[in-house]
Amino acid sequence: MTRIPPRLVAATAAAFLVAVSPLAAAAAASKAAQPEREVFHLRELEVPFGYSQAVRVGDTIHISGSVSMDASGQLLAKGDMAAQLRNAYEDIRKTLAHFGATFGDVVEETIYTTDMDKLLAAAGTVRADVYKGADYPAGSWVGVTRLVDPDYLVEISVTAVRRPKPRP
């Protein structure tokens, strides 16, 4: 067996570190430049389905479609569009609050409905209460044949961007 002189081992290791260190520094810088990501579950029942209520990347919060359900996942307010809207917006409010945001931070909203006429009749009043004191976000209202439960009338997804808090 050939014995390698310790000075040669040290010189080879030093040369390797010099060659690799720019790559390691670039990889570390790239990782540091990526925005922080956080996944949020409003209810434990979301996890087995592979569903996340929201994902935050940096200051942008993507909130999945919210429907009118209780903590166990059961439909609330069957047949009542206004109540289903309020319940869905309440879940969105809780999710925004988790991230330190409000409806004033919402920049885009998509409402999916199985009954556009009922949505048109109820949405103005409910949304005025929800966005009171804030600008309405960009949005789309989309008529669909069915939502995940046939008794859901509406599902709302939003994107929000947290604004920097004013300094005292």
C-alpha atoms as a PDB file:
ATOM      1  CA  MET A   1       0.000   0.000   0.000  1.00  0.00           C
ATOM      2  CA  THR A   2       1.355   3.417  -0.971  1.00  0.00           C
ATOM      3  CA  ARG A   3       1.503   6.015   1.738  1.00  0.00           C
ATOM      4  CA  ILE A   4       0.613   9.576   0.712  1.00  0.00           C
ATOM      5  CA  PRO A   5       2.725  12.213   2.407  1.00  0.00           C
ATOM      6  CA  PRO A   6       0.660  14.353   4.835  1.00  0.00           C
ATOM      7  CA  ARG A   7       1.780  17.593   3.118  1.00  0.00           C
ATOM      8  CA  LEU A   8       0.377  16.342  -0.206  1.00  0.00           C
ATOM      9  CA  VAL A   9      -2.942  15.417   1.453  1.00  0.00           C
ATOM     10  CA  ALA A  10      -3.164  18.880   3.019  1.00  0.00           C
ATOM     11  CA  ALA A  11      -2.300  20.613  -0.276  1.00  0.00           C
ATOM     12  CA  THR A  12      -4.878  18.519  -2.177  1.00  0.00           C
ATOM     13  CA  ALA A  13      -7.576  19.261   0.414  1.00  0.00           C
ATOM     14  CA  ALA A  14      -6.793  22.980   0.297  1.00  0.00           C
ATOM     15  CA  ALA A  15      -6.967  22.984  -3.531  1.00  0.00           C
ATOM     16  CA  PHE A  16     -10.320  21.177  -3.380  1.00  0.00           C
ATOM     17  CA  LEU A  17     -11.750  23.711  -0.918  1.00  0.00           C
ATOM     18  CA  VAL A  18     -10.586  26.619  -3.064  1.00  0.00           C
ATOM     19  CA  ALA A  19     -12.238  25.045  -6.127  1.00  0.00           C
ATOM     20  CA  VAL A  20     -15.505  24.149  -4.369  1.00  0.00           C
ATOM     21  CA  SER A  21     -15.950  27.219  -2.195  1.00  0.00           C
ATOM     22  CA  PRO A  22     -17.244  29.505  -5.009  1.00  0.00           C
ATOM     23  CA  LEU A  23     -19.826  26.831  -5.859  1.00  0.00           C
ATOM     24  CA  ALA A  24     -20.875  26.516  -2.229  1.00  0.00           C
ATOM     25  CA  ALA A  25     -21.074  30.295  -1.893  1.00  0.00           C
ATOM     26  CA  ALA A  26     -23.215  30.551  -5.049  1.00  0.00           C
ATOM     27  CA  ALA A  27     -25.551  27.798  -3.805  1.00  0.00           C
ATOM     28  CA  ALA A  28     -25.908  29.513  -0.416  1.00  0.00           C
ATOM     29  CA  ALA A  29     -26.590  32.877  -2.067  1.00  0.00           C
ATOM     30  CA  SER A  30     -29.197  31.322  -4.352  1.00  0.00           C
ATOM     31  CA  LYS A  31     -30.961  29.711  -1.405  1.00  0.00           C
ATOM     32  CA  ALA A  32     -30.860  32.974   0.561  1.00  0.00           C
ATOM     33  CA  ALA A  33     -32.358  34.853  -2.407  1.00  0.00           C
ATOM     34  CA  GLN A  34     -35.427  32.587  -2.533  1.00  0.00           C
ATOM     35  CA  PRO A  35     -38.441  33.986  -0.679  1.00  0.00           C
ATOM     36  CA  GLU A  36     -39.509  32.217   2.472  1.00  0.00           C
ATOM     37  CA  ARG A  37     -42.389  29.764   1.954  1.00  0.00           C
ATOM     38  CA  GLU A  38     -45.040  28.815   4.536  1.00  0.00           C
ATOM     39  CA  VAL A  39     -47.975  26.412   4.170  1.00  0.00           C
ATOM     40  CA  PHE A  40     -51.048  26.943   6.361  1.00  0.00           C
ATOM     41  CA  HIS A  41     -53.881  24.555   7.240  1.00  0.00           C
ATOM     42  CA  LEU A  42     -57.014  26.103   8.731  1.00  0.00           C
ATOM     43  CA  ARG A  43     -58.417  22.685   9.641  1.00  0.00           C
ATOM     44  CA  GLU A  44     -56.667  19.400  10.350  1.00  0.00           C
ATOM     45  CA  LEU A  45     -59.009  17.615   7.925  1.00  0.00           C
ATOM     46  CA  GLU A  46     -57.188  19.345   5.034  1.00  0.00           C
ATOM     47  CA  VAL A  47     -53.949  17.440   5.539  1.00  0.00           C
ATOM     48  CA  PRO A  48     -55.075  13.916   4.482  1.00  0.00           C
ATOM     49  CA  PHE A  49     -56.540  15.370   1.266  1.00  0.00           C
ATOM     50  CA  GLY A  50     -53.287  17.060   0.295  1.00  0.00           C
ATOM     51  CA  TYR A  51     -55.047  20.421   0.506  1.00  0.00           C
ATOM     52  CA  SER A  52     -53.522  23.589   1.919  1.00  0.00           C
ATOM     53  CA  GLN A  53     -55.750  26.491   2.898  1.00  0.00           C
ATOM     54  CA  ALA A  54     -52.943  28.847   1.946  1.00  0.00           C
ATOM     55  CA  VAL A  55     -49.354  29.111   0.832  1.00  0.00           C
ATOM     56  CA  ARG A  56     -47.296  32.216   1.527  1.00  0.00           C
ATOM     57  CA  VAL A  57     -44.229  32.935  -0.578  1.00  0.00           C
ATOM     58  CA  GLY A  58     -42.461  36.048   0.654  1.00  0.00           C
ATOM     59  CA  ASP A  59     -45.185  38.635   1.191  1.00  0.00           C
ATOM     60  CA  THR A  60     -47.637  37.045  -1.269  1.00  0.00           C
ATOM     61  CA  ILE A  61     -50.398  34.876   0.194  1.00  0.00           C
ATOM     62  CA  HIS A  62     -52.303  32.465  -2.047  1.00  0.00           C
ATOM     63  CA  ILE A  63     -55.533  31.335  -0.369  1.00  0.00           C
ATOM     64  CA  SER A  64     -57.271  28.283  -1.799  1.00  0.00           C
ATOM     65  CA  GLY A  65     -60.964  28.154  -2.562  1.00  0.00           C
ATOM     66  CA  SER A  66     -62.904  28.665   0.668  1.00  0.00           C
ATOM     67  CA  VAL A  67     -66.432  27.345   1.128  1.00  0.00           C
ATOM     68  CA  SER A  68     -69.098  27.470   3.821  1.00  0.00           C
ATOM     69  CA  MET A  69     -68.077  24.651   6.168  1.00  0.00           C
ATOM     70  CA  ASP A  70     -67.752  24.048   9.878  1.00  0.00           C
ATOM     71  CA  ALA A  71     -64.660  22.779  11.700  1.00  0.00           C
ATOM     72  CA  SER A  72     -65.506  19.156  10.847  1.00  0.00           C
ATOM     73  CA  GLY A  73     -65.957  19.904   7.140  1.00  0.00           C
ATOM     74  CA  GLN A  74     -69.762  19.877   7.102  1.00  0.00           C
ATOM     75  CA  LEU A  75     -71.713  22.286   4.896  1.00  0.00           C
ATOM     76  CA  LEU A  76     -73.123  25.374   6.610  1.00  0.00           C
ATOM     77  CA  ALA A  77     -76.151  27.350   5.372  1.00  0.00           C
ATOM     78  CA  LYS A  78     -77.513  24.995   2.721  1.00  0.00           C
ATOM     79  CA  GLY A  79     -79.329  26.985   0.039  1.00  0.00           C
ATOM     80  CA  ASP A  80     -78.441  30.422   1.513  1.00  0.00           C
ATOM     81  CA  MET A  81     -76.035  32.272  -0.801  1.00  0.00           C
ATOM     82  CA  ALA A  82     -75.465  35.267   1.500  1.00  0.00           C
ATOM     83  CA  ALA A  83     -74.679  33.048   4.499  1.00  0.00           C
ATOM     84  CA  GLN A  84     -72.367  30.829   2.443  1.00  0.00           C
ATOM     85  CA  LEU A  85     -70.517  33.935   1.230  1.00  0.00           C
ATOM     86  CA  ARG A  86     -70.128  35.243   4.794  1.00  0.00           C
ATOM     87  CA  ASN A  87     -68.864  31.857   6.029  1.00  0.00           C
ATOM     88  CA  ALA A  88     -66.327  31.553   3.196  1.00  0.00           C
ATOM     89  CA  TYR A  89     -65.107  35.118   3.798  1.00  0.00           C
ATOM     90  CA  GLU A  90     -64.772  34.346   7.517  1.00  0.00           C
ATOM     91  CA  ASP A  91     -62.376  31.471   6.729  1.00  0.00           C
ATOM     92  CA  ILE A  92     -60.446  33.815   4.450  1.00  0.00           C
ATOM     93  CA  ARG A  93     -60.315  36.439   7.223  1.00  0.00           C
ATOM     94  CA  LYS A  94     -58.908  33.856   9.680  1.00  0.00           C
ATOM     95  CA  THR A  95     -56.317  32.767   7.117  1.00  0.00           C
ATOM     96  CA  LEU A  96     -55.265  36.345   6.335  1.00  0.00           C
ATOM     97  CA  ALA A  97     -54.982  37.058  10.078  1.00  0.00           C
ATOM     98  CA  HIS A  98     -52.656  34.053  10.500  1.00  0.00           C
ATOM     99  CA  PHE A  99     -50.247  35.807   8.129  1.00  0.00           C
ATOM    100  CA  GLY A 100     -50.733  39.269   9.649  1.00  0.00           C
ATOM    101  CA  ALA A 101     -52.838  40.463   6.692  1.00  0.00           C
ATOM    102  CA  THR A 102     -56.355  41.837   6.196  1.00  0.00           C
ATOM    103  CA  PHE A 103     -58.856  42.186   3.377  1.00  0.00           C
ATOM    104  CA  GLY A 104     -57.110  45.465   2.601  1.00  0.00           C
ATOM    105  CA  ASP A 105     -54.141  43.366   1.425  1.00  0.00           C
ATOM    106  CA  VAL A 106     -56.219  41.280  -1.032  1.00  0.00           C
ATOM    107  CA  VAL A 107     -55.261  42.103  -4.623  1.00  0.00           C
ATOM    108  CA  GLU A 108     -57.191  39.425  -6.524  1.00  0.00           C
ATOM    109  CA  GLU A 109     -60.366  37.474  -5.848  1.00  0.00           C
ATOM    110  CA  THR A 110     -62.092  34.723  -7.808  1.00  0.00           C
ATOM    111  CA  ILE A 111     -65.607  33.625  -6.899  1.00  0.00           C
ATOM    112  CA  TYR A 112     -66.908  30.358  -8.311  1.00  0.00           C
ATOM    113  CA  THR A 113     -70.667  29.831  -8.119  1.00  0.00           C
ATOM    114  CA  THR A 114     -73.264  27.297  -9.139  1.00  0.00           C
ATOM    115  CA  ASP A 115     -75.953  30.019  -9.217  1.00  0.00           C
ATOM    116  CA  MET A 116     -74.884  33.340 -10.727  1.00  0.00           C
ATOM    117  CA  ASP A 117     -78.295  34.953 -10.155  1.00  0.00           C
ATOM    118  CA  LYS A 118     -78.162  34.249  -6.404  1.00  0.00           C
ATOM    119  CA  LEU A 119     -74.555  35.485  -6.302  1.00  0.00           C
ATOM    120  CA  LEU A 120     -75.484  38.725  -8.066  1.00  0.00           C
ATOM    121  CA  ALA A 121     -78.320  39.272  -5.594  1.00  0.00           C
ATOM    122  CA  ALA A 122     -76.236  38.635  -2.462  1.00  0.00           C
ATOM    123  CA  ALA A 123     -72.638  39.566  -3.231  1.00  0.00           C
ATOM    124  CA  GLY A 124     -72.940  43.360  -3.267  1.00  0.00           C
ATOM    125  CA  THR A 125     -74.053  43.649   0.362  1.00  0.00           C
ATOM    126  CA  VAL A 126     -71.790  40.897   1.706  1.00  0.00           C
ATOM    127  CA  ARG A 127     -68.685  42.140  -0.133  1.00  0.00           C
ATOM    128  CA  ALA A 128     -69.354  45.737   0.965  1.00  0.00           C
ATOM    129  CA  ASP A 129     -69.196  44.530   4.587  1.00  0.00           C
ATOM    130  CA  VAL A 130     -66.096  42.405   3.984  1.00  0.00           C
ATOM    131  CA  TYR A 131     -64.109  45.090   2.145  1.00  0.00           C
ATOM    132  CA  LYS A 132     -65.415  48.019   4.206  1.00  0.00           C
ATOM    133  CA  GLY A 133     -62.727  50.694   4.257  1.00  0.00           C
ATOM    134  CA  ALA A 134     -60.572  48.891   1.687  1.00  0.00           C
ATOM    135  CA  ASP A 135     -60.377  48.941  -2.091  1.00  0.00           C
ATOM    136  CA  TYR A 136     -62.043  46.057  -3.889  1.00  0.00           C
ATOM    137  CA  PRO A 137     -59.500  43.679  -5.421  1.00  0.00           C
ATOM    138  CA  ALA A 138     -59.282  42.718  -9.064  1.00  0.00           C
ATOM    139  CA  GLY A 139     -61.674  39.860  -9.520  1.00  0.00           C
ATOM    140  CA  SER A 140     -63.581  37.355 -11.575  1.00  0.00           C
ATOM    141  CA  TRP A 141     -66.914  35.664 -10.981  1.00  0.00           C
ATOM    142  CA  VAL A 142     -67.167  32.286 -12.664  1.00  0.00           C
ATOM    143  CA  GLY A 143     -70.279  30.142 -13.116  1.00  0.00           C
ATOM    144  CA  VAL A 144     -69.582  26.432 -12.658  1.00  0.00           C
ATOM    145  CA  THR A 145     -71.705  23.302 -12.916  1.00  0.00           C
ATOM    146  CA  ARG A 146     -70.782  21.980  -9.486  1.00  0.00           C
ATOM    147  CA  LEU A 147     -68.421  22.497  -6.545  1.00  0.00           C
ATOM    148  CA  VAL A 148     -66.851  19.763  -4.373  1.00  0.00           C
ATOM    149  CA  ASP A 149     -70.204  19.232  -2.584  1.00  0.00           C
ATOM    150  CA  PRO A 150     -73.317  19.696  -4.724  1.00  0.00           C
ATOM    151  CA  ASP A 151     -74.898  21.859  -1.984  1.00  0.00           C
ATOM    152  CA  TYR A 152     -72.099  24.427  -1.993  1.00  0.00           C
ATOM    153  CA  LEU A 153     -73.262  27.512  -3.874  1.00  0.00           C
ATOM    154  CA  VAL A 154     -70.004  29.450  -3.779  1.00  0.00           C
ATOM    155  CA  GLU A 155     -66.227  29.066  -3.401  1.00  0.00           C
ATOM    156  CA  ILE A 156     -63.835  32.016  -3.065  1.00  0.00           C
ATOM    157  CA  SER A 157     -60.074  32.108  -3.624  1.00  0.00           C
ATOM    158  CA  VAL A 158     -57.911  35.171  -3.101  1.00  0.00           C
ATOM    159  CA  THR A 159     -54.354  36.389  -3.436  1.00  0.00           C
ATOM    160  CA  ALA A 160     -53.052  38.968  -0.992  1.00  0.00           C
ATOM    161  CA  VAL A 161     -49.787  40.881  -0.719  1.00  0.00           C
ATOM    162  CA  ARG A 162     -48.788  41.967   2.770  1.00  0.00           C
ATOM    163  CA  ARG A 163     -47.878  45.611   2.902  1.00  0.00           C
ATOM    164  CA  PRO A 164     -45.020  46.756   5.074  1.00  0.00           C
ATOM    165  CA  LYS A 165     -46.217  47.894   8.481  1.00  0.00           C
ATOM    166  CA  PRO A 166     -45.657  51.607   9.166  1.00  0.00           C
ATOM    167  CA  ARG A 167     -42.771  52.300  11.502  1.00  0.00           C
ATOM    168  CA  PRO A 168     -43.668  53.983  14.790  1.00  0.00           C
END
